[in-house]
Amino acid sequence: MEKHFCTCPAESCPHHPAIQSKGCDSCINKNLQQNEIPACFFLSVSKDVDGLTEFSVESFVRFYLKHKGMPSTSVQNE
């Protein structure tokens, strides 16, 4: 099988695109059913995923804020 671009380190996962022929569909479908975010989204924020054990939407938001911080917003009062 041709090498897939997937950045997920869980290469033994049955949904990993490198070991099955459905590409990312199988992984994304599994994650949607479990209300989770694929590991590649976490890795796109930071390569520092050591100790990460939860892949929920809430966990992703916390992870994002930890690594990217709150965006600055400017509110103009008129």
C-alpha atoms as a PDB file:
ATOM      1  CA  MET A   1       0.000   0.000   0.000  1.00  0.00           C
ATOM      2  CA  GLU A   2       1.222   3.494  -0.849  1.00  0.00           C
ATOM      3  CA  LYS A   3       2.357   5.722   2.054  1.00  0.00           C
ATOM      4  CA  HIS A   4      -0.414   8.014   3.216  1.00  0.00           C
ATOM      5  CA  PHE A   5       0.196  11.577   4.393  1.00  0.00           C
ATOM      6  CA  CYS A   6      -1.502  10.939   7.753  1.00  0.00           C
ATOM      7  CA  THR A   7       0.374  12.404  10.725  1.00  0.00           C
ATOM      8  CA  CYS A   8      -1.341  10.218  13.335  1.00  0.00           C
ATOM      9  CA  PRO A   9       1.215   8.354  15.450  1.00  0.00           C
ATOM     10  CA  ALA A  10      -1.239   5.488  16.176  1.00  0.00           C
ATOM     11  CA  GLU A  11      -0.128   3.468  13.170  1.00  0.00           C
ATOM     12  CA  SER A  12      -1.515   0.226  14.630  1.00  0.00           C
ATOM     13  CA  CYS A  13      -5.050   1.660  14.818  1.00  0.00           C
ATOM     14  CA  PRO A  14      -7.389  -0.250  12.472  1.00  0.00           C
ATOM     15  CA  HIS A  15      -8.666   3.116  11.161  1.00  0.00           C
ATOM     16  CA  HIS A  16      -5.220   4.483  10.257  1.00  0.00           C
ATOM     17  CA  PRO A  17      -5.128   5.295   6.525  1.00  0.00           C
ATOM     18  CA  ALA A  18      -1.777   3.565   6.113  1.00  0.00           C
ATOM     19  CA  ILE A  19      -3.232   0.125   6.884  1.00  0.00           C
ATOM     20  CA  GLN A  20      -6.657   0.208   5.243  1.00  0.00           C
ATOM     21  CA  SER A  21      -7.970   1.379   1.888  1.00  0.00           C
ATOM     22  CA  LYS A  22     -10.620   3.922   2.950  1.00  0.00           C
ATOM     23  CA  GLY A  23      -8.226   6.827   3.464  1.00  0.00           C
ATOM     24  CA  CYS A  24      -9.259   9.157   6.279  1.00  0.00           C
ATOM     25  CA  ASP A  25     -12.970   8.285   6.037  1.00  0.00           C
ATOM     26  CA  SER A  26     -12.788   5.383   8.487  1.00  0.00           C
ATOM     27  CA  CYS A  27     -10.894   7.448  11.072  1.00  0.00           C
ATOM     28  CA  ILE A  28     -13.168  10.466  10.764  1.00  0.00           C
ATOM     29  CA  ASN A  29     -16.301   8.310  10.914  1.00  0.00           C
ATOM     30  CA  LYS A  30     -15.049   6.603  14.106  1.00  0.00           C
ATOM     31  CA  ASN A  31     -14.191   9.950  15.673  1.00  0.00           C
ATOM     32  CA  LEU A  32     -17.560  11.491  14.789  1.00  0.00           C
ATOM     33  CA  GLN A  33     -19.392   8.527  16.342  1.00  0.00           C
ATOM     34  CA  GLN A  34     -17.368   8.942  19.555  1.00  0.00           C
ATOM     35  CA  ASN A  35     -17.601  12.782  19.648  1.00  0.00           C
ATOM     36  CA  GLU A  36     -13.847  12.981  19.222  1.00  0.00           C
ATOM     37  CA  ILE A  37     -11.396  14.909  17.094  1.00  0.00           C
ATOM     38  CA  PRO A  38      -8.799  13.015  14.999  1.00  0.00           C
ATOM     39  CA  ALA A  39      -5.231  13.125  16.347  1.00  0.00           C
ATOM     40  CA  CYS A  40      -4.042  14.923  13.203  1.00  0.00           C
ATOM     41  CA  PHE A  41      -6.029  18.008  14.278  1.00  0.00           C
ATOM     42  CA  PHE A  42      -4.171  18.069  17.604  1.00  0.00           C
ATOM     43  CA  LEU A  43      -0.868  17.630  15.771  1.00  0.00           C
ATOM     44  CA  SER A  44      -1.695  20.549  13.486  1.00  0.00           C
ATOM     45  CA  VAL A  45      -1.795  22.761  16.589  1.00  0.00           C
ATOM     46  CA  SER A  46       1.326  21.395  18.308  1.00  0.00           C
ATOM     47  CA  LYS A  47       3.669  18.440  18.010  1.00  0.00           C
ATOM     48  CA  ASP A  48       3.666  18.313  21.834  1.00  0.00           C
ATOM     49  CA  VAL A  49       1.007  15.614  22.323  1.00  0.00           C
ATOM     50  CA  ASP A  50       2.879  13.650  24.994  1.00  0.00           C
ATOM     51  CA  GLY A  51       0.476  12.548  27.698  1.00  0.00           C
ATOM     52  CA  LEU A  52      -2.606  13.336  25.648  1.00  0.00           C
ATOM     53  CA  THR A  53      -5.176  10.622  26.333  1.00  0.00           C
ATOM     54  CA  GLU A  54      -8.483  12.300  25.590  1.00  0.00           C
ATOM     55  CA  PHE A  55      -9.521  13.353  22.100  1.00  0.00           C
ATOM     56  CA  SER A  56     -12.920  14.911  22.822  1.00  0.00           C
ATOM     57  CA  VAL A  57     -14.001  18.214  21.307  1.00  0.00           C
ATOM     58  CA  GLU A  58     -13.601  19.815  24.733  1.00  0.00           C
ATOM     59  CA  SER A  59     -10.099  18.381  25.058  1.00  0.00           C
ATOM     60  CA  PHE A  60      -9.205  19.823  21.652  1.00  0.00           C
ATOM     61  CA  VAL A  61     -10.404  23.277  22.696  1.00  0.00           C
ATOM     62  CA  ARG A  62      -8.309  23.122  25.889  1.00  0.00           C
ATOM     63  CA  PHE A  63      -5.311  21.838  23.897  1.00  0.00           C
ATOM     64  CA  TYR A  64      -5.676  24.627  21.341  1.00  0.00           C
ATOM     65  CA  LEU A  65      -5.948  27.331  23.992  1.00  0.00           C
ATOM     66  CA  LYS A  66      -2.967  25.912  25.879  1.00  0.00           C
ATOM     67  CA  HIS A  67      -0.738  25.959  22.801  1.00  0.00           C
ATOM     68  CA  LYS A  68      -2.082  28.916  20.852  1.00  0.00           C
ATOM     69  CA  GLY A  69      -3.614  31.079  23.583  1.00  0.00           C
ATOM     70  CA  MET A  70      -6.678  33.211  23.318  1.00  0.00           C
ATOM     71  CA  PRO A  71      -6.815  35.239  20.132  1.00  0.00           C
ATOM     72  CA  SER A  72      -6.786  38.962  20.750  1.00  0.00           C
ATOM     73  CA  THR A  73      -9.993  40.637  19.788  1.00  0.00           C
ATOM     74  CA  SER A  74     -10.682  44.276  19.507  1.00  0.00           C
ATOM     75  CA  VAL A  75     -14.162  45.508  20.226  1.00  0.00           C
ATOM     76  CA  GLN A  76     -14.910  49.026  19.288  1.00  0.00           C
ATOM     77  CA  ASN A  77     -17.570  50.887  21.239  1.00  0.00           C
ATOM     78  CA  GLU A  78     -19.531  53.267  19.117  1.00  0.00           C
END
